[in-house]
PDB file of N, CA and C in Angstrom:
ATOM      1  N   MET A   1      -0.686 -10.269   0.902  1.00  0.00           N
ATOM      2  CA  MET A   1       0.769  -9.447   0.407  1.00  0.00           C
ATOM      3  C   MET A   1       0.993  -8.528   1.600  1.00  0.00           C
ATOM      4  N   ARG A   2       2.357  -9.071   2.294  1.00  0.00           N
ATOM      5  CA  ARG A   2       3.040  -8.154   3.242  1.00  0.00           C
ATOM      6  C   ARG A   2       4.091  -7.907   2.939  1.00  0.00           C
ATOM      7  N   LYS A   3       4.333  -6.567   2.368  1.00  0.00           N
ATOM      8  CA  LYS A   3       6.018  -6.510   1.670  1.00  0.00           C
ATOM      9  C   LYS A   3       6.504  -4.677   2.541  1.00  0.00           C
ATOM     10  N   THR A   4       8.042  -4.933   1.726  1.00  0.00           N
ATOM     11  CA  THR A   4       8.546  -3.093   2.421  1.00  0.00           C
ATOM     12  C   THR A   4       8.829  -3.170   1.589  1.00  0.00           C
ATOM     13  N   TYR A   5       8.715  -1.936   0.989  1.00  0.00           N
ATOM     14  CA  TYR A   5       9.050  -1.370  -0.378  1.00  0.00           C
ATOM     15  C   TYR A   5      10.547  -0.531   0.051  1.00  0.00           C
ATOM     16  N   GLN A   6      11.184  -0.802  -1.012  1.00  0.00           N
ATOM     17  CA  GLN A   6      12.878   0.518  -0.335  1.00  0.00           C
ATOM     18  C   GLN A   6      12.268   1.507  -1.855  1.00  0.00           C
ATOM     19  N   LEU A   7      12.978   2.954  -0.890  1.00  0.00           N
ATOM     20  CA  LEU A   7      12.290   3.352  -1.875  1.00  0.00           C
ATOM     21  C   LEU A   7      13.981   4.856  -2.408  1.00  0.00           C
ATOM     22  N   GLN A   8      15.257   4.123  -1.238  1.00  0.00           N
ATOM     23  CA  GLN A   8      16.441   4.105  -2.003  1.00  0.00           C
ATOM     24  C   GLN A   8      17.231   3.467  -1.985  1.00  0.00           C
ATOM     25  N   ILE A   9      17.598   3.403  -3.647  1.00  0.00           N
ATOM     26  CA  ILE A   9      18.010   2.377  -4.483  1.00  0.00           C
ATOM     27  C   ILE A   9      18.795   3.066  -5.199  1.00  0.00           C
ATOM     28  N   GLU A  10      20.374   2.710  -5.276  1.00  0.00           N
ATOM     29  CA  GLU A  10      21.740   3.208  -6.426  1.00  0.00           C
ATOM     30  C   GLU A  10      21.006   3.467  -7.430  1.00  0.00           C
ATOM     31  N   GLY A  11      20.238   3.989  -8.262  1.00  0.00           N
ATOM     32  CA  GLY A  11      20.715   4.781 -10.029  1.00  0.00           C
ATOM     33  C   GLY A  11      19.115   4.261  -9.655  1.00  0.00           C
ATOM     34  N   LYS A  12      18.376   4.185  -9.526  1.00  0.00           N
ATOM     35  CA  LYS A  12      16.601   4.371  -8.929  1.00  0.00           C
ATOM     36  C   LYS A  12      16.099   5.402  -8.440  1.00  0.00           C
ATOM     37  N   ASN A  13      15.345   5.761  -9.384  1.00  0.00           N
ATOM     38  CA  ASN A  13      14.700   7.509  -9.123  1.00  0.00           C
ATOM     39  C   ASN A  13      13.745   6.655  -8.019  1.00  0.00           C
ATOM     40  N   ARG A  14      14.278   7.830  -7.233  1.00  0.00           N
ATOM     41  CA  ARG A  14      12.154   7.925  -5.519  1.00  0.00           C
ATOM     42  C   ARG A  14      11.194   7.627  -6.291  1.00  0.00           C
ATOM     43  N   ASP A  15      10.957   8.277  -7.501  1.00  0.00           N
ATOM     44  CA  ASP A  15       9.539   8.586  -7.413  1.00  0.00           C
ATOM     45  C   ASP A  15       8.447   8.056  -8.675  1.00  0.00           C
ATOM     46  N   ARG A  16       9.879   6.678  -8.890  1.00  0.00           N
ATOM     47  CA  ARG A  16       9.938   6.041 -10.673  1.00  0.00           C
ATOM     48  C   ARG A  16       9.287   4.527  -9.129  1.00  0.00           C
ATOM     49  N   LEU A  17      10.133   4.589  -8.225  1.00  0.00           N
ATOM     50  CA  LEU A  17       9.901   3.499  -7.543  1.00  0.00           C
ATOM     51  C   LEU A  17       8.750   3.525  -6.451  1.00  0.00           C
ATOM     52  N   LEU A  18       8.171   4.540  -5.650  1.00  0.00           N
ATOM     53  CA  LEU A  18       7.025   4.939  -4.876  1.00  0.00           C
ATOM     54  C   LEU A  18       5.782   4.424  -6.113  1.00  0.00           C
ATOM     55  N   GLU A  19       5.699   4.752  -7.699  1.00  0.00           N
ATOM     56  CA  GLU A  19       4.204   4.788  -8.627  1.00  0.00           C
ATOM     57  C   GLU A  19       4.711   2.993  -8.378  1.00  0.00           C
ATOM     58  N   ALA A  20       6.043   1.814  -8.602  1.00  0.00           N
ATOM     59  CA  ALA A  20       6.161   0.582  -8.877  1.00  0.00           C
ATOM     60  C   ALA A  20       5.282   0.217  -8.009  1.00  0.00           C
ATOM     61  N   ALA A  21       5.824   0.513  -6.814  1.00  0.00           N
ATOM     62  CA  ALA A  21       5.418   0.587  -5.615  1.00  0.00           C
ATOM     63  C   ALA A  21       3.210  -0.098  -5.665  1.00  0.00           C
ATOM     64  N   LYS A  22       3.548   0.927  -5.980  1.00  0.00           N
ATOM     65  CA  LYS A  22       1.674   1.833  -5.560  1.00  0.00           C
ATOM     66  C   LYS A  22       1.033   0.570  -6.673  1.00  0.00           C
ATOM     67  N   HIS A  23       1.711   1.047  -7.817  1.00  0.00           N
ATOM     68  CA  HIS A  23       1.414  -0.048  -9.526  1.00  0.00           C
ATOM     69  C   HIS A  23       1.162  -1.878  -8.407  1.00  0.00           C
ATOM     70  N   ASP A  24       2.247  -2.839  -7.800  1.00  0.00           N
ATOM     71  CA  ASP A  24       2.269  -3.309  -7.886  1.00  0.00           C
ATOM     72  C   ASP A  24       1.044  -4.363  -6.556  1.00  0.00           C
ATOM     73  N   ILE A  25       0.114  -2.745  -5.538  1.00  0.00           N
ATOM     74  CA  ILE A  25      -0.230  -3.445  -4.446  1.00  0.00           C
ATOM     75  C   ILE A  25      -1.959  -3.272  -5.895  1.00  0.00           C
ATOM     76  N   ARG A  26      -1.590  -1.954  -6.619  1.00  0.00           N
ATOM     77  CA  ARG A  26      -2.674  -2.203  -7.614  1.00  0.00           C
ATOM     78  C   ARG A  26      -3.089  -3.739  -8.215  1.00  0.00           C
ATOM     79  N   LYS A  27      -1.863  -4.249  -8.640  1.00  0.00           N
ATOM     80  CA  LYS A  27      -2.603  -5.277  -9.539  1.00  0.00           C
ATOM     81  C   LYS A  27      -2.813  -6.702  -8.358  1.00  0.00           C
ATOM     82  N   TYR A  28      -2.328  -6.847  -7.425  1.00  0.00           N
ATOM     83  CA  TYR A  28      -2.334  -7.427  -6.230  1.00  0.00           C
ATOM     84  C   TYR A  28      -3.986  -7.487  -6.205  1.00  0.00           C
ATOM     85  N   ALA A  29      -4.534  -6.023  -5.814  1.00  0.00           N
ATOM     86  CA  ALA A  29      -5.927  -5.984  -5.156  1.00  0.00           C
ATOM     87  C   ALA A  29      -7.038  -6.827  -6.221  1.00  0.00           C
ATOM     88  N   LYS A  30      -6.864  -6.422  -7.743  1.00  0.00           N
ATOM     89  CA  LYS A  30      -7.396  -7.230  -9.039  1.00  0.00           C
ATOM     90  C   LYS A  30      -6.774  -8.631  -9.061  1.00  0.00           C
ATOM     91  N   ARG A  31      -6.291  -8.776  -8.992  1.00  0.00           N
ATOM     92  CA  ARG A  31      -5.615 -10.157  -9.142  1.00  0.00           C
ATOM     93  C   ARG A  31      -6.546 -10.457  -7.917  1.00  0.00           C
ATOM     94  N   GLU A  32      -6.910 -10.668  -6.979  1.00  0.00           N
ATOM     95  CA  GLU A  32      -6.959 -10.479  -5.512  1.00  0.00           C
ATOM     96  C   GLU A  32      -8.995 -10.964  -6.700  1.00  0.00           C
ATOM     97  N   ARG A  33      -8.981 -10.446  -6.727  1.00  0.00           N
ATOM     98  CA  ARG A  33     -10.704  -9.847  -6.966  1.00  0.00           C
ATOM     99  C   ARG A  33     -11.111 -10.582  -7.851  1.00  0.00           C
ATOM    100  N   ALA A  34     -10.390 -11.047  -9.090  1.00  0.00           N
ATOM    101  CA  ALA A  34     -10.902 -11.334 -10.045  1.00  0.00           C
ATOM    102  C   ALA A  34     -10.983 -13.303  -9.389  1.00  0.00           C
ATOM    103  N   LYS A  35     -10.699 -13.391  -8.345  1.00  0.00           N
ATOM    104  CA  LYS A  35     -10.294 -14.689  -7.543  1.00  0.00           C
ATOM    105  C   LYS A  35     -12.379 -14.829  -8.026  1.00  0.00           C
ATOM    106  N   ALA A  36     -12.929 -16.102  -8.003  1.00  0.00           N
ATOM    107  CA  ALA A  36     -14.041 -16.832  -7.477  1.00  0.00           C
ATOM    108  C   ALA A  36     -14.653 -16.004  -6.609  1.00  0.00           C
ATOM    109  N   LEU A  37     -15.580 -16.180  -5.870  1.00  0.00           N
ATOM    110  CA  LEU A  37     -16.094 -15.462  -5.238  1.00  0.00           C
ATOM    111  C   LEU A  37     -17.056 -17.214  -4.322  1.00  0.00           C
ATOM    112  N   PRO A  38     -16.116 -17.319  -2.580  1.00  0.00           N
ATOM    113  CA  PRO A  38     -16.970 -18.322  -2.294  1.00  0.00           C
ATOM    114  C   PRO A  38     -18.441 -18.273  -2.083  1.00  0.00           C
ATOM    115  N   LYS A  39     -19.527 -19.163  -2.094  1.00  0.00           N
ATOM    116  CA  LYS A  39     -20.855 -19.812  -2.053  1.00  0.00           C
ATOM    117  C   LYS A  39     -21.186 -18.517  -0.487  1.00  0.00           C
ATOM    118  N   GLY A  40     -22.264 -17.494  -1.459  1.00  0.00           N
ATOM    119  CA  GLY A  40     -22.699 -16.867   0.057  1.00  0.00           C
ATOM    120  C   GLY A  40     -21.922 -16.040   0.721  1.00  0.00           C
ATOM    121  N   VAL A  41     -20.972 -14.851  -0.380  1.00  0.00           N
ATOM    122  CA  VAL A  41     -19.920 -14.057   0.189  1.00  0.00           C
ATOM    123  C   VAL A  41     -20.104 -13.314  -1.712  1.00  0.00           C
ATOM    124  N   ASP A  42     -20.713 -11.857  -1.222  1.00  0.00           N
ATOM    125  CA  ASP A  42     -20.577 -11.185  -1.768  1.00  0.00           C
ATOM    126  C   ASP A  42     -19.654 -10.047  -3.198  1.00  0.00           C
ATOM    127  N   PHE A  43     -19.059 -10.388  -1.776  1.00  0.00           N
ATOM    128  CA  PHE A  43     -17.320  -9.365  -2.687  1.00  0.00           C
ATOM    129  C   PHE A  43     -15.737  -9.681  -1.860  1.00  0.00           C
ATOM    130  N   TRP A  44     -14.946  -9.321  -2.780  1.00  0.00           N
ATOM    131  CA  TRP A  44     -13.289  -9.468  -2.124  1.00  0.00           C
ATOM    132  C   TRP A  44     -13.642  -8.193  -1.189  1.00  0.00           C
ATOM    133  N   ASP A  45     -12.937  -8.434   0.265  1.00  0.00           N
ATOM    134  CA  ASP A  45     -12.456  -7.317   0.345  1.00  0.00           C
ATOM    135  C   ASP A  45     -10.968  -7.551   1.291  1.00  0.00           C
ATOM    136  N   PHE A  46     -11.303  -6.351   1.807  1.00  0.00           N
ATOM    137  CA  PHE A  46      -9.446  -6.222   2.530  1.00  0.00           C
ATOM    138  C   PHE A  46      -8.910  -5.387   3.847  1.00  0.00           C
ATOM    139  N   ASP A  47      -7.783  -6.157   4.949  1.00  0.00           N
ATOM    140  CA  ASP A  47      -7.709  -5.428   5.671  1.00  0.00           C
ATOM    141  C   ASP A  47      -5.669  -4.930   5.160  1.00  0.00           C
ATOM    142  N   CYS A  48      -6.543  -4.596   6.119  1.00  0.00           N
ATOM    143  CA  CYS A  48      -4.818  -3.190   4.962  1.00  0.00           C
ATOM    144  C   CYS A  48      -4.470  -2.313   6.015  1.00  0.00           C
ATOM    145  N   LYS A  49      -2.970  -2.190   6.263  1.00  0.00           N
ATOM    146  CA  LYS A  49      -2.139  -2.032   7.159  1.00  0.00           C
ATOM    147  C   LYS A  49      -0.519  -1.103   6.204  1.00  0.00           C
ATOM    148  N   ALA A  50      -0.474  -0.140   7.422  1.00  0.00           N
ATOM    149  CA  ALA A  50       0.464   0.980   6.545  1.00  0.00           C
ATOM    150  C   ALA A  50       1.555   1.172   7.659  1.00  0.00           C
ATOM    151  N   GLY A  51       2.859   1.323   7.010  1.00  0.00           N
ATOM    152  CA  GLY A  51       3.675   2.408   8.144  1.00  0.00           C
ATOM    153  C   GLY A  51       4.979   2.361   7.935  1.00  0.00           C
ATOM    154  N   ALA A  52       5.702   3.111   8.245  1.00  0.00           N
ATOM    155  CA  ALA A  52       7.244   3.371   8.569  1.00  0.00           C
ATOM    156  C   ALA A  52       8.142   1.368   8.250  1.00  0.00           C
ATOM    157  N   SER A  53       7.681   0.353   8.987  1.00  0.00           N
ATOM    158  CA  SER A  53       7.780  -1.266   9.478  1.00  0.00           C
ATOM    159  C   SER A  53       7.286  -1.561   9.520  1.00  0.00           C
ATOM    160  N   ASP A  54       7.365  -2.724   9.856  1.00  0.00           N
ATOM    161  CA  ASP A  54       5.618  -3.895  10.306  1.00  0.00           C
ATOM    162  C   ASP A  54       5.474  -3.362  11.458  1.00  0.00           C
ATOM    163  N   ALA A  55       6.972  -3.587  12.116  1.00  0.00           N
ATOM    164  CA  ALA A  55       6.287  -3.122  13.936  1.00  0.00           C
ATOM    165  C   ALA A  55       5.745  -1.139  14.670  1.00  0.00           C
ATOM    166  N   THR A  56       5.420  -0.559  13.118  1.00  0.00           N
ATOM    167  CA  THR A  56       4.828   0.345  12.865  1.00  0.00           C
ATOM    168  C   THR A  56       3.319   0.488  12.468  1.00  0.00           C
ATOM    169  N   ALA A  57       3.075  -0.396  11.853  1.00  0.00           N
ATOM    170  CA  ALA A  57       2.143  -0.409  11.092  1.00  0.00           C
ATOM    171  C   ALA A  57       0.890  -0.111  11.423  1.00  0.00           C
ATOM    172  N   ALA A  58      -0.170   0.711  11.274  1.00  0.00           N
ATOM    173  CA  ALA A  58      -1.827   0.846  11.325  1.00  0.00           C
ATOM    174  C   ALA A  58      -2.293   0.108  10.499  1.00  0.00           C
ATOM    175  N   GLU A  59      -3.630   0.199  11.079  1.00  0.00           N
ATOM    176  CA  GLU A  59      -4.547  -0.619  10.014  1.00  0.00           C
ATOM    177  C   GLU A  59      -5.112   0.941   9.211  1.00  0.00           C
ATOM    178  N   VAL A  60      -5.669   0.953   7.734  1.00  0.00           N
ATOM    179  CA  VAL A  60      -5.962   1.592   7.444  1.00  0.00           C
ATOM    180  C   VAL A  60      -7.233   1.029   6.394  1.00  0.00           C
ATOM    181  N   HIS A  61      -8.278   2.009   5.990  1.00  0.00           N
ATOM    182  CA  HIS A  61      -8.907   1.166   4.708  1.00  0.00           C
ATOM    183  C   HIS A  61      -8.332   1.470   4.236  1.00  0.00           C
ATOM    184  N   PHE A  62      -8.624   0.414   3.605  1.00  0.00           N
ATOM    185  CA  PHE A  62      -8.591   0.105   1.865  1.00  0.00           C
ATOM    186  C   PHE A  62      -8.533   1.773   0.156  1.00  0.00           C
ATOM    187  N   ALA A  63      -9.488   1.663   0.810  1.00  0.00           N
ATOM    188  CA  ALA A  63      -9.411   3.165  -0.239  1.00  0.00           C
ATOM    189  C   ALA A  63      -8.158   4.419   0.425  1.00  0.00           C
ATOM    190  N   GLU A  64      -7.948   4.255   1.366  1.00  0.00           N
ATOM    191  CA  GLU A  64      -7.479   4.943   1.787  1.00  0.00           C
ATOM    192  C   GLU A  64      -6.027   4.999   2.109  1.00  0.00           C
ATOM    193  N   LEU A  65      -5.556   3.586   1.218  1.00  0.00           N
ATOM    194  CA  LEU A  65      -4.004   2.942   1.399  1.00  0.00           C
ATOM    195  C   LEU A  65      -3.162   4.398   1.088  1.00  0.00           C
ATOM    196  N   MET A  66      -3.405   4.654  -0.399  1.00  0.00           N
ATOM    197  CA  MET A  66      -2.797   4.978  -1.151  1.00  0.00           C
ATOM    198  C   MET A  66      -1.922   6.583  -1.014  1.00  0.00           C
ATOM    199  N   GLY A  67      -3.408   7.395  -0.067  1.00  0.00           N
ATOM    200  CA  GLY A  67      -3.135   8.322   0.810  1.00  0.00           C
ATOM    201  C   GLY A  67      -2.024   7.999   1.945  1.00  0.00           C
ATOM    202  N   ALA A  68      -2.800   7.097   3.129  1.00  0.00           N
ATOM    203  CA  ALA A  68      -1.572   6.670   3.774  1.00  0.00           C
ATOM    204  C   ALA A  68       0.158   6.486   2.760  1.00  0.00           C
ATOM    205  N   ILE A  69       0.337   6.312   1.872  1.00  0.00           N
ATOM    206  CA  ILE A  69       1.692   5.733   1.522  1.00  0.00           C
ATOM    207  C   ILE A  69       2.164   7.188   1.418  1.00  0.00           C
ATOM    208  N   ASP A  70       1.005   7.709   0.930  1.00  0.00           N
ATOM    209  CA  ASP A  70       1.904   9.027  -0.143  1.00  0.00           C
ATOM    210  C   ASP A  70       2.434  10.264   1.822  1.00  0.00           C
ATOM    211  N   ALA A  71       1.886  10.239   2.654  1.00  0.00           N
ATOM    212  CA  ALA A  71       1.788  10.965   3.698  1.00  0.00           C
ATOM    213  C   ALA A  71       3.261   9.877   4.310  1.00  0.00           C
ATOM    214  N   LEU A  72       3.181   8.961   4.224  1.00  0.00           N
ATOM    215  CA  LEU A  72       4.461   8.582   4.617  1.00  0.00           C
ATOM    216  C   LEU A  72       5.820   8.800   4.134  1.00  0.00           C
ATOM    217  N   VAL A  73       5.433   8.600   2.753  1.00  0.00           N
ATOM    218  CA  VAL A  73       6.954   8.984   1.884  1.00  0.00           C
ATOM    219  C   VAL A  73       7.186  10.514   1.737  1.00  0.00           C
ATOM    220  N   LYS A  74       6.034  11.436   1.996  1.00  0.00           N
ATOM    221  CA  LYS A  74       5.475  13.098   2.181  1.00  0.00           C
ATOM    222  C   LYS A  74       6.881  13.325   3.204  1.00  0.00           C
ATOM    223  N   ASP A  75       6.669  12.053   4.213  1.00  0.00           N
ATOM    224  CA  ASP A  75       7.582  13.063   5.654  1.00  0.00           C
ATOM    225  C   ASP A  75       9.013  11.852   5.535  1.00  0.00           C
ATOM    226  N   GLY A  76       9.538  12.360   4.278  1.00  0.00           N
ATOM    227  CA  GLY A  76      10.401  11.830   4.120  1.00  0.00           C
ATOM    228  C   GLY A  76      11.538  10.428   3.945  1.00  0.00           C
ATOM    229  N   GLY A  77      10.698   8.947   4.776  1.00  0.00           N
ATOM    230  CA  GLY A  77      11.257   7.931   4.376  1.00  0.00           C
ATOM    231  C   GLY A  77      11.501   7.519   3.909  1.00  0.00           C
ATOM    232  N   THR A  78      12.498   6.105   3.665  1.00  0.00           N
ATOM    233  CA  THR A  78      13.450   5.516   2.702  1.00  0.00           C
ATOM    234  C   THR A  78      12.749   4.605   2.558  1.00  0.00           C
ATOM    235  N   GLN A  79      11.971   3.694   3.186  1.00  0.00           N
ATOM    236  CA  GLN A  79      10.972   3.029   3.619  1.00  0.00           C
ATOM    237  C   GLN A  79       9.710   2.832   3.687  1.00  0.00           C
ATOM    238  N   PHE A  80       8.588   1.620   3.326  1.00  0.00           N
ATOM    239  CA  PHE A  80       6.997   1.489   4.473  1.00  0.00           C
ATOM    240  C   PHE A  80       6.624   0.474   3.195  1.00  0.00           C
ATOM    241  N   TYR A  81       6.131  -0.208   4.700  1.00  0.00           N
ATOM    242  CA  TYR A  81       5.948  -1.085   5.167  1.00  0.00           C
ATOM    243  C   TYR A  81       4.361  -1.268   4.494  1.00  0.00           C
ATOM    244  N   VAL A  82       3.821  -2.674   3.642  1.00  0.00           N
ATOM    245  CA  VAL A  82       2.660  -2.631   3.599  1.00  0.00           C
ATOM    246  C   VAL A  82       2.225  -3.694   3.450  1.00  0.00           C
ATOM    247  N   GLU A  83       0.441  -3.890   3.902  1.00  0.00           N
ATOM    248  CA  GLU A  83       0.069  -5.449   4.186  1.00  0.00           C
ATOM    249  C   GLU A  83      -1.267  -5.061   4.406  1.00  0.00           C
ATOM    250  N   VAL A  84      -1.837  -6.151   2.532  1.00  0.00           N
ATOM    251  CA  VAL A  84      -2.379  -6.332   2.187  1.00  0.00           C
ATOM    252  C   VAL A  84      -3.307  -8.438   2.020  1.00  0.00           C
ATOM    253  N   VAL A  85      -4.476  -7.445   3.094  1.00  0.00           N
ATOM    254  CA  VAL A  85      -4.528  -9.439   3.106  1.00  0.00           C
ATOM    255  C   VAL A  85      -6.218  -9.650   2.007  1.00  0.00           C
ATOM    256  N   ALA A  86      -6.640  -9.842   1.448  1.00  0.00           N
ATOM    257  CA  ALA A  86      -8.106 -10.313   1.474  1.00  0.00           C
ATOM    258  C   ALA A  86      -8.969 -11.391   2.246  1.00  0.00           C
ATOM    259  N   LYS A  87     -10.066 -11.188   2.120  1.00  0.00           N
ATOM    260  CA  LYS A  87     -11.268 -11.154   3.228  1.00  0.00           C
ATOM    261  C   LYS A  87     -12.389 -10.758   2.612  1.00  0.00           C
ATOM    262  N   GLN A  88     -13.134 -12.219   3.248  1.00  0.00           N
ATOM    263  CA  GLN A  88     -14.586 -12.165   2.491  1.00  0.00           C
ATOM    264  C   GLN A  88     -15.342 -11.182   3.251  1.00  0.00           C
ATOM    265  N   GLY A  89     -16.664 -10.322   1.769  1.00  0.00           N
ATOM    266  CA  GLY A  89     -17.438  -9.427   2.350  1.00  0.00           C
ATOM    267  C   GLY A  89     -19.140  -9.411   2.091  1.00  0.00           C
ATOM    268  N   HIS A  90     -19.130  -8.963   3.312  1.00  0.00           N
ATOM    269  CA  HIS A  90     -20.580  -9.608   3.068  1.00  0.00           C
ATOM    270  C   HIS A  90     -21.450  -8.037   3.421  1.00  0.00           C
ATOM    271  N   ARG A  91     -22.383  -8.524   1.690  1.00  0.00           N
ATOM    272  CA  ARG A  91     -23.234  -6.498   1.639  1.00  0.00           C
ATOM    273  C   ARG A  91     -23.863  -6.796   2.662  1.00  0.00           C
ATOM    274  N   THR A  92     -23.892  -5.417   3.492  1.00  0.00           N
ATOM    275  CA  THR A  92     -24.824  -5.122   4.190  1.00  0.00           C
ATOM    276  C   THR A  92     -26.692  -4.323   4.740  1.00  0.00           C
ATOM    277  N   ALA A  93     -27.769  -3.871   4.791  1.00  0.00           N
ATOM    278  CA  ALA A  93     -29.003  -2.803   4.075  1.00  0.00           C
ATOM    279  C   ALA A  93     -28.493  -2.154   5.209  1.00  0.00           C
ATOM    280  N   ARG A  94     -28.597  -0.655   4.181  1.00  0.00           N
ATOM    281  CA  ARG A  94     -28.317   1.181   4.693  1.00  0.00           C
ATOM    282  C   ARG A  94     -29.499   0.755   5.449  1.00  0.00           C
ATOM    283  N   PRO A  95     -29.494   1.689   6.428  1.00  0.00           N
ATOM    284  CA  PRO A  95     -30.672   1.699   7.391  1.00  0.00           C
ATOM    285  C   PRO A  95     -32.111   3.043   6.670  1.00  0.00           C
ATOM    286  N   ARG A  96     -32.595   2.243   6.322  1.00  0.00           N
ATOM    287  CA  ARG A  96     -33.309   3.883   6.476  1.00  0.00           C
ATOM    288  C   ARG A  96     -34.169   5.440   6.491  1.00  0.00           C
ATOM    289  N   VAL A  97     -34.376   6.078   6.009  1.00  0.00           N
ATOM    290  CA  VAL A  97     -34.225   6.900   6.640  1.00  0.00           C
ATOM    291  C   VAL A  97     -35.164   7.048   6.219  1.00  0.00           C
ATOM    292  N   GLU A  98     -36.586   7.939   7.396  1.00  0.00           N
ATOM    293  CA  GLU A  98     -37.704   8.391   6.667  1.00  0.00           C
ATOM    294  C   GLU A  98     -37.934   9.580   6.000  1.00  0.00           C
ATOM    295  N   GLY A  99     -38.809   9.596   4.840  1.00  0.00           N
ATOM    296  CA  GLY A  99     -38.605  10.797   3.545  1.00  0.00           C
ATOM    297  C   GLY A  99     -38.272   9.870   2.368  1.00  0.00           C
ATOM    298  N   ASP A 100     -37.641   8.941   2.151  1.00  0.00           N
ATOM    299  CA  ASP A 100     -36.768   8.386   1.315  1.00  0.00           C
ATOM    300  C   ASP A 100     -38.160   7.239   0.712  1.00  0.00           C
ATOM    301  N   ASP A 101     -37.672   7.928  -1.059  1.00  0.00           N
ATOM    302  CA  ASP A 101     -38.468   7.420  -2.145  1.00  0.00           C
ATOM    303  C   ASP A 101     -38.260   6.098  -2.554  1.00  0.00           C
ATOM    304  N   ALA A 102     -38.417   5.412  -3.049  1.00  0.00           N
ATOM    305  CA  ALA A 102     -37.801   3.969  -3.943  1.00  0.00           C
ATOM    306  C   ALA A 102     -36.702   4.366  -4.118  1.00  0.00           C
ATOM    307  N   HIS A 103     -36.150   4.963  -4.491  1.00  0.00           N
ATOM    308  CA  HIS A 103     -34.415   5.117  -5.348  1.00  0.00           C
ATOM    309  C   HIS A 103     -33.507   5.255  -3.967  1.00  0.00           C
ATOM    310  N   GLY A 104     -33.886   6.040  -3.242  1.00  0.00           N
ATOM    311  CA  GLY A 104     -32.978   6.787  -2.006  1.00  0.00           C
ATOM    312  C   GLY A 104     -32.700   7.718  -2.233  1.00  0.00           C
ATOM    313  N   ASP A 105     -33.359   8.810  -2.884  1.00  0.00           N
ATOM    314  CA  ASP A 105     -32.893  10.174  -2.608  1.00  0.00           C
ATOM    315  C   ASP A 105     -34.253  11.345  -2.251  1.00  0.00           C
ATOM    316  N   VAL A 106     -33.341  11.653  -1.591  1.00  0.00           N
ATOM    317  CA  VAL A 106     -35.058  12.486  -0.366  1.00  0.00           C
ATOM    318  C   VAL A 106     -34.553  14.107  -1.005  1.00  0.00           C
ATOM    319  N   TYR A 107     -35.738  14.462  -1.640  1.00  0.00           N
ATOM    320  CA  TYR A 107     -36.074  15.082  -2.160  1.00  0.00           C
ATOM    321  C   TYR A 107     -37.084  16.733  -0.981  1.00  0.00           C
ATOM    322  N   ASP A 108     -36.534  17.364  -0.983  1.00  0.00           N
ATOM    323  CA  ASP A 108     -37.015  19.141  -0.107  1.00  0.00           C
ATOM    324  C   ASP A 108     -38.273  19.506  -1.195  1.00  0.00           C
ATOM    325  N   ASP A 109     -39.181  18.883  -0.209  1.00  0.00           N
ATOM    326  CA  ASP A 109     -40.769  19.506  -0.542  1.00  0.00           C
ATOM    327  C   ASP A 109     -40.890  21.343  -0.705  1.00  0.00           C
ATOM    328  N   ALA A 110     -39.967  21.935   0.527  1.00  0.00           N
ATOM    329  CA  ALA A 110     -40.015  23.447   0.087  1.00  0.00           C
ATOM    330  C   ALA A 110     -39.556  23.547  -1.076  1.00  0.00           C
ATOM    331  N   GLU A 111     -39.809  23.499  -2.193  1.00  0.00           N
ATOM    332  CA  GLU A 111     -39.311  24.803  -3.388  1.00  0.00           C
ATOM    333  C   GLU A 111     -40.573  24.456  -3.622  1.00  0.00           C
TER     334      GLU A 111
END
């Protein structure tokens, strides 16, 4: 999904346009996550970019995408560009820290 969202449309509320754009992005992510995973893939991940235009878009993590959009809009922008591309994700094991129990919780013995 590569799209530029306009926030200045005659007769439409700016806040409602922003909420509609965010809903559109979330709906795309939900639709992509619902697709069947290829063999050997653990989850769907996303490569994301956000900016005032496609030329100035910077990479952001999917979890930080809505915050990046809010920051762009807060600066008074009349439009913003979003790129969300699904990719295959593979889980990696966390490095074990000495003192971890079987559940990964660390307990303080000083009590």
